[in-house]
Structure formats: C-alpha cells, structure tokens
Amino acid sequence: MTSFRYNDMDFTVEPAPATGQGAGARWDIFRKTPQGAAVCVAAGLFAGLAQDTAESRARALVCSIFPVGIKLIGPDTTHPSWVGDLKIIGPDVGHPNFIYWEKDSASFPA
C-alpha cells in the first residue's frame, strides 16, 4: 500500500482483494475523508502492473478525476481543455449563457 497527497486530499493505492501483488494484481484507489473514513475512488485497475507503475498511473488518474482550476467558457468547441488523457470540450451554444444570481436557475435568452 502506498499513499500520496493531491490537492489537500490523501489517497492510497492498494492491491485489490483476492489478487495479491503478483503478476495478475489489480489495484484499488481510496481517498481518506476528513473524518478518517476510506472512500473507494476506483477499483480493479491496472491489471498486471507493478506497484510503482500502478502508483504513477493512479496519481495521473486522480489528477484527472479531481481537477483543479478548470474553467469552461462557452461557446468554444475549437479549443478543448486537456486534463491528463481527458479531453473537456466546452458547450456548443449559439448564444451566451446568462446566470441571474437573484433567481435559482440559468437563463438562455434568445
């Protein structure tokens, strides 16, 4: 089991139950909550990879799942944002989205 910290969150990479750490090992990623509980982020990943390789891939996956500082401004479908291997494409709308803060919903004026 290895641990790492990302964006003030603690994660652990552990061998999945019943697979051990041998050639057919799969790996689980857990996040420790502020209350101390362990929450499963992903399970049964990276089959057959060594512990150090699984940990580096787990770090990349965590950075993709829990991105920091992404802002999408539409309409902009020609300039996608990349987070690791994840491609995030902004909304394809013909008019801007207006949010009225005194109401409880977004408005799409014509």
N, C-alpha and C. Protein backbone atom coordinates (compact mmCIF):
# COMPACT_ATOMS: atom_id res chain seq x y z
N MET A 1 0.85 -1.17 0.00
CA MET A 1 0.00 0.00 0.00
C MET A 1 0.89 1.24 0.00
N THR A 2 0.62 2.15 -0.91
CA THR A 2 1.35 3.41 -0.95
C THR A 2 0.36 4.56 -0.83
N SER A 3 0.81 5.66 -0.29
CA SER A 3 -0.04 6.83 -0.09
C SER A 3 0.56 8.03 -0.79
N PHE A 4 -0.31 8.95 -1.21
CA PHE A 4 0.15 10.22 -1.76
C PHE A 4 -0.91 11.27 -1.47
N ARG A 5 -0.49 12.52 -1.54
CA ARG A 5 -1.36 13.66 -1.26
C ARG A 5 -1.50 14.49 -2.52
N TYR A 6 -2.75 14.85 -2.86
CA TYR A 6 -3.03 15.69 -4.02
C TYR A 6 -4.13 16.66 -3.65
N ASN A 7 -3.90 17.94 -3.86
CA ASN A 7 -4.89 18.99 -3.61
C ASN A 7 -5.50 18.87 -2.21
N ASP A 8 -4.66 18.70 -1.21
CA ASP A 8 -5.08 18.57 0.19
C ASP A 8 -5.97 17.36 0.45
N MET A 9 -5.88 16.33 -0.39
CA MET A 9 -6.60 15.09 -0.18
C MET A 9 -5.58 13.95 -0.13
N ASP A 10 -5.82 12.99 0.76
CA ASP A 10 -4.93 11.85 0.91
C ASP A 10 -5.50 10.64 0.17
N PHE A 11 -4.67 9.99 -0.63
CA PHE A 11 -5.07 8.83 -1.41
C PHE A 11 -4.14 7.66 -1.09
N THR A 12 -4.66 6.44 -1.23
CA THR A 12 -3.84 5.24 -1.11
C THR A 12 -4.10 4.35 -2.31
N VAL A 13 -3.06 3.65 -2.72
CA VAL A 13 -3.16 2.66 -3.79
C VAL A 13 -2.87 1.31 -3.15
N GLU A 14 -3.84 0.41 -3.23
CA GLU A 14 -3.72 -0.89 -2.58
C GLU A 14 -4.03 -2.00 -3.57
N PRO A 15 -3.46 -3.18 -3.36
CA PRO A 15 -3.84 -4.32 -4.20
C PRO A 15 -5.31 -4.66 -3.96
N ALA A 16 -6.02 -4.97 -5.03
CA ALA A 16 -7.42 -5.34 -4.90
C ALA A 16 -7.52 -6.66 -4.13
N PRO A 17 -8.58 -6.86 -3.37
CA PRO A 17 -8.72 -8.12 -2.63
C PRO A 17 -8.69 -9.32 -3.56
N ALA A 18 -8.09 -10.39 -3.11
CA ALA A 18 -8.01 -11.67 -3.81
C ALA A 18 -7.10 -11.65 -5.03
N THR A 19 -6.37 -10.56 -5.28
CA THR A 19 -5.43 -10.57 -6.41
C THR A 19 -3.99 -10.53 -5.94
N GLY A 20 -3.75 -10.09 -4.71
CA GLY A 20 -2.39 -10.03 -4.19
C GLY A 20 -1.56 -9.01 -4.94
N GLN A 21 -0.23 -9.17 -4.88
CA GLN A 21 0.66 -8.24 -5.56
C GLN A 21 1.44 -8.93 -6.67
N GLY A 22 1.01 -10.10 -7.09
CA GLY A 22 1.73 -10.85 -8.12
C GLY A 22 1.48 -10.30 -9.51
N ALA A 23 1.74 -11.15 -10.52
CA ALA A 23 1.67 -10.73 -11.92
C ALA A 23 0.26 -10.33 -12.33
N GLY A 24 -0.77 -10.94 -11.74
CA GLY A 24 -2.14 -10.62 -12.13
C GLY A 24 -2.81 -9.61 -11.23
N ALA A 25 -2.03 -8.87 -10.47
CA ALA A 25 -2.59 -7.95 -9.48
C ALA A 25 -3.40 -6.84 -10.15
N ARG A 26 -4.46 -6.47 -9.50
CA ARG A 26 -5.24 -5.28 -9.85
C ARG A 26 -5.16 -4.36 -8.65
N TRP A 27 -5.42 -3.08 -8.90
CA TRP A 27 -5.20 -2.08 -7.86
C TRP A 27 -6.45 -1.26 -7.60
N ASP A 28 -6.65 -0.89 -6.34
CA ASP A 28 -7.75 -0.04 -5.92
C ASP A 28 -7.18 1.29 -5.43
N ILE A 29 -7.94 2.36 -5.66
CA ILE A 29 -7.55 3.69 -5.18
C ILE A 29 -8.59 4.14 -4.16
N PHE A 30 -8.12 4.55 -2.99
CA PHE A 30 -9.00 5.03 -1.93
C PHE A 30 -8.62 6.45 -1.55
N ARG A 31 -9.64 7.23 -1.14
CA ARG A 31 -9.41 8.58 -0.62
C ARG A 31 -9.81 8.59 0.84
N LYS A 32 -8.98 9.21 1.66
CA LYS A 32 -9.29 9.33 3.08
C LYS A 32 -10.07 10.61 3.31
N THR A 33 -11.26 10.49 3.88
CA THR A 33 -12.09 11.66 4.16
C THR A 33 -11.56 12.39 5.39
N PRO A 34 -11.96 13.65 5.59
CA PRO A 34 -11.53 14.37 6.79
C PRO A 34 -11.95 13.68 8.10
N GLN A 35 -13.01 12.88 8.04
CA GLN A 35 -13.47 12.15 9.22
C GLN A 35 -12.67 10.88 9.45
N GLY A 36 -11.79 10.51 8.51
CA GLY A 36 -10.95 9.34 8.66
C GLY A 36 -11.42 8.10 7.93
N ALA A 37 -12.59 8.16 7.30
CA ALA A 37 -13.10 7.00 6.56
C ALA A 37 -12.40 6.89 5.21
N ALA A 38 -12.33 5.68 4.69
CA ALA A 38 -11.74 5.44 3.37
C ALA A 38 -12.87 5.29 2.35
N VAL A 39 -12.78 6.05 1.27
CA VAL A 39 -13.79 6.02 0.21
C VAL A 39 -13.13 5.50 -1.05
N CYS A 40 -13.75 4.52 -1.69
CA CYS A 40 -13.18 3.94 -2.91
C CYS A 40 -13.37 4.90 -4.08
N VAL A 41 -12.28 5.27 -4.72
CA VAL A 41 -12.31 6.15 -5.88
C VAL A 41 -12.38 5.32 -7.15
N ALA A 42 -11.61 4.24 -7.22
CA ALA A 42 -11.59 3.35 -8.38
C ALA A 42 -11.15 1.97 -7.91
N ALA A 43 -11.65 0.93 -8.58
CA ALA A 43 -11.34 -0.43 -8.14
C ALA A 43 -10.99 -1.31 -9.33
N GLY A 44 -10.07 -2.23 -9.10
CA GLY A 44 -9.72 -3.24 -10.09
C GLY A 44 -8.98 -2.70 -11.30
N LEU A 45 -8.13 -1.70 -11.09
CA LEU A 45 -7.43 -1.06 -12.21
C LEU A 45 -6.03 -1.62 -12.39
N PHE A 46 -5.45 -1.31 -13.54
CA PHE A 46 -4.03 -1.54 -13.83
C PHE A 46 -3.63 -3.00 -13.65
N ALA A 47 -4.35 -3.90 -14.28
CA ALA A 47 -4.10 -5.33 -14.13
C ALA A 47 -2.69 -5.69 -14.57
N GLY A 48 -2.00 -6.42 -13.72
CA GLY A 48 -0.68 -6.93 -14.04
C GLY A 48 0.46 -5.95 -13.93
N LEU A 49 0.21 -4.73 -13.50
CA LEU A 49 1.28 -3.74 -13.39
C LEU A 49 1.96 -3.82 -12.02
N ALA A 50 3.22 -3.46 -12.00
CA ALA A 50 3.96 -3.42 -10.74
C ALA A 50 3.45 -2.27 -9.88
N GLN A 51 3.80 -2.32 -8.60
CA GLN A 51 3.29 -1.33 -7.65
C GLN A 51 3.70 0.09 -8.01
N ASP A 52 4.94 0.31 -8.41
CA ASP A 52 5.38 1.67 -8.72
C ASP A 52 4.70 2.22 -9.96
N THR A 53 4.48 1.37 -10.96
CA THR A 53 3.78 1.80 -12.18
C THR A 53 2.31 2.08 -11.87
N ALA A 54 1.70 1.21 -11.07
CA ALA A 54 0.30 1.42 -10.70
C ALA A 54 0.14 2.72 -9.91
N GLU A 55 1.11 3.02 -9.05
CA GLU A 55 1.02 4.26 -8.27
C GLU A 55 1.13 5.49 -9.17
N SER A 56 2.03 5.47 -10.15
CA SER A 56 2.17 6.64 -11.03
C SER A 56 0.92 6.81 -11.89
N ARG A 57 0.33 5.72 -12.34
CA ARG A 57 -0.91 5.83 -13.11
C ARG A 57 -2.08 6.25 -12.23
N ALA A 58 -2.07 5.81 -10.99
CA ALA A 58 -3.13 6.22 -10.06
C ALA A 58 -3.05 7.72 -9.79
N ARG A 59 -1.84 8.25 -9.66
CA ARG A 59 -1.68 9.70 -9.47
C ARG A 59 -2.25 10.46 -10.67
N ALA A 60 -1.94 10.01 -11.88
CA ALA A 60 -2.45 10.67 -13.08
C ALA A 60 -3.97 10.59 -13.14
N LEU A 61 -4.53 9.44 -12.77
CA LEU A 61 -5.98 9.28 -12.79
C LEU A 61 -6.64 10.18 -11.75
N VAL A 62 -6.07 10.27 -10.57
CA VAL A 62 -6.62 11.13 -9.52
C VAL A 62 -6.60 12.58 -9.97
N CYS A 63 -5.53 13.00 -10.62
CA CYS A 63 -5.46 14.38 -11.13
C CYS A 63 -6.52 14.64 -12.18
N SER A 64 -6.91 13.61 -12.93
CA SER A 64 -7.97 13.76 -13.94
C SER A 64 -9.35 13.75 -13.30
N ILE A 65 -9.54 12.91 -12.29
CA ILE A 65 -10.84 12.81 -11.65
C ILE A 65 -11.15 14.03 -10.79
N PHE A 66 -10.13 14.55 -10.12
CA PHE A 66 -10.29 15.70 -9.23
C PHE A 66 -9.50 16.88 -9.78
N PRO A 67 -9.93 17.46 -10.91
CA PRO A 67 -9.15 18.56 -11.50
C PRO A 67 -9.20 19.81 -10.64
N VAL A 68 -8.17 20.62 -10.79
CA VAL A 68 -8.07 21.86 -10.03
C VAL A 68 -8.00 23.01 -11.03
N GLY A 69 -8.89 23.97 -10.89
CA GLY A 69 -8.79 25.20 -11.67
C GLY A 69 -9.21 25.11 -13.12
N ILE A 70 -10.19 24.31 -13.45
CA ILE A 70 -10.68 24.27 -14.83
C ILE A 70 -11.85 25.23 -14.94
N LYS A 71 -11.82 26.06 -15.95
CA LYS A 71 -12.92 26.98 -16.21
C LYS A 71 -13.29 26.84 -17.67
N LEU A 72 -14.52 26.48 -17.94
CA LEU A 72 -15.00 26.35 -19.31
C LEU A 72 -15.85 27.56 -19.64
N ILE A 73 -15.52 28.23 -20.71
CA ILE A 73 -16.27 29.39 -21.15
C ILE A 73 -16.79 29.08 -22.55
N GLY A 74 -18.09 28.99 -22.69
CA GLY A 74 -18.68 28.67 -23.99
C GLY A 74 -19.11 29.91 -24.71
N PRO A 75 -19.38 29.88 -25.99
CA PRO A 75 -19.16 28.70 -26.82
C PRO A 75 -17.72 28.65 -27.34
N ASP A 76 -17.03 27.59 -27.07
CA ASP A 76 -15.67 27.41 -27.56
C ASP A 76 -15.40 25.93 -27.76
N THR A 77 -15.87 25.39 -28.85
CA THR A 77 -15.65 23.97 -29.13
C THR A 77 -14.36 23.74 -29.89
N THR A 78 -13.68 24.81 -30.30
CA THR A 78 -12.45 24.64 -31.08
C THR A 78 -11.21 24.59 -30.20
N HIS A 79 -11.32 24.92 -28.92
CA HIS A 79 -10.17 24.92 -28.02
C HIS A 79 -10.50 24.09 -26.78
N PRO A 80 -10.44 22.76 -26.88
CA PRO A 80 -10.75 21.93 -25.71
C PRO A 80 -9.66 22.03 -24.65
N SER A 81 -10.05 21.75 -23.43
CA SER A 81 -9.11 21.69 -22.32
C SER A 81 -8.70 20.23 -22.11
N TRP A 82 -7.43 20.01 -21.85
CA TRP A 82 -6.93 18.66 -21.59
C TRP A 82 -6.55 18.54 -20.12
N VAL A 83 -7.03 17.49 -19.48
CA VAL A 83 -6.65 17.15 -18.12
C VAL A 83 -6.15 15.71 -18.18
N GLY A 84 -4.84 15.54 -18.24
CA GLY A 84 -4.28 14.21 -18.44
C GLY A 84 -4.72 13.69 -19.80
N ASP A 85 -5.36 12.54 -19.82
CA ASP A 85 -5.88 11.97 -21.06
C ASP A 85 -7.33 12.35 -21.31
N LEU A 86 -7.91 13.15 -20.43
CA LEU A 86 -9.31 13.52 -20.52
C LEU A 86 -9.46 14.82 -21.30
N LYS A 87 -10.25 14.79 -22.36
CA LYS A 87 -10.49 15.96 -23.20
C LYS A 87 -11.83 16.58 -22.81
N ILE A 88 -11.81 17.83 -22.35
CA ILE A 88 -13.03 18.52 -21.94
C ILE A 88 -13.35 19.58 -22.98
N ILE A 89 -14.52 19.44 -23.59
CA ILE A 89 -14.95 20.36 -24.64
C ILE A 89 -16.05 21.24 -24.08
N GLY A 90 -15.92 22.53 -24.28
CA GLY A 90 -16.91 23.48 -23.79
C GLY A 90 -18.24 23.32 -24.49
N PRO A 91 -19.27 23.98 -24.00
CA PRO A 91 -20.61 23.86 -24.59
C PRO A 91 -20.66 24.47 -25.99
N ASP A 92 -21.47 23.86 -26.83
CA ASP A 92 -21.66 24.35 -28.20
C ASP A 92 -23.01 25.04 -28.26
N VAL A 93 -23.01 26.32 -27.96
CA VAL A 93 -24.26 27.09 -27.97
C VAL A 93 -24.11 28.27 -28.90
N GLY A 94 -25.21 28.71 -29.46
CA GLY A 94 -25.18 29.84 -30.39
C GLY A 94 -25.32 31.18 -29.71
N HIS A 95 -25.46 31.20 -28.41
CA HIS A 95 -25.61 32.44 -27.66
C HIS A 95 -24.99 32.24 -26.29
N PRO A 96 -24.64 33.32 -25.61
CA PRO A 96 -24.01 33.16 -24.30
C PRO A 96 -25.01 32.70 -23.24
N ASN A 97 -24.49 32.08 -22.22
CA ASN A 97 -25.32 31.68 -21.08
C ASN A 97 -25.28 32.80 -20.05
N PHE A 98 -26.44 33.24 -19.63
CA PHE A 98 -26.51 34.26 -18.60
C PHE A 98 -27.05 33.65 -17.32
N ILE A 99 -26.41 33.93 -16.23
CA ILE A 99 -26.87 33.44 -14.93
C ILE A 99 -27.34 34.65 -14.13
N TYR A 100 -28.59 34.60 -13.72
CA TYR A 100 -29.15 35.65 -12.89
C TYR A 100 -29.04 35.21 -11.44
N TRP A 101 -28.23 35.92 -10.67
CA TRP A 101 -27.93 35.48 -9.31
C TRP A 101 -29.11 35.65 -8.37
N GLU A 102 -30.08 36.50 -8.71
CA GLU A 102 -31.22 36.66 -7.82
C GLU A 102 -32.29 35.59 -8.06
N LYS A 103 -32.11 34.76 -9.10
CA LYS A 103 -33.04 33.67 -9.39
C LYS A 103 -32.32 32.34 -9.14
N ASP A 104 -33.05 31.26 -9.18
CA ASP A 104 -32.48 29.96 -8.86
C ASP A 104 -32.16 29.12 -10.09
N SER A 105 -32.07 29.73 -11.26
CA SER A 105 -31.79 28.94 -12.45
C SER A 105 -31.05 29.78 -13.47
N ALA A 106 -30.47 29.10 -14.45
CA ALA A 106 -29.78 29.78 -15.54
C ALA A 106 -30.80 30.16 -16.61
N SER A 107 -30.50 31.18 -17.36
CA SER A 107 -31.39 31.64 -18.41
C SER A 107 -30.68 31.58 -19.74
N PHE A 108 -31.39 31.24 -20.79
CA PHE A 108 -30.85 31.21 -22.14
C PHE A 108 -31.65 32.16 -23.01
N PRO A 109 -31.32 33.45 -22.99
CA PRO A 109 -32.10 34.41 -23.78
C PRO A 109 -31.92 34.19 -25.27
N ALA A 110 -32.95 34.50 -26.02
CA ALA A 110 -32.91 34.32 -27.48
C ALA A 110 -32.25 35.48 -28.16
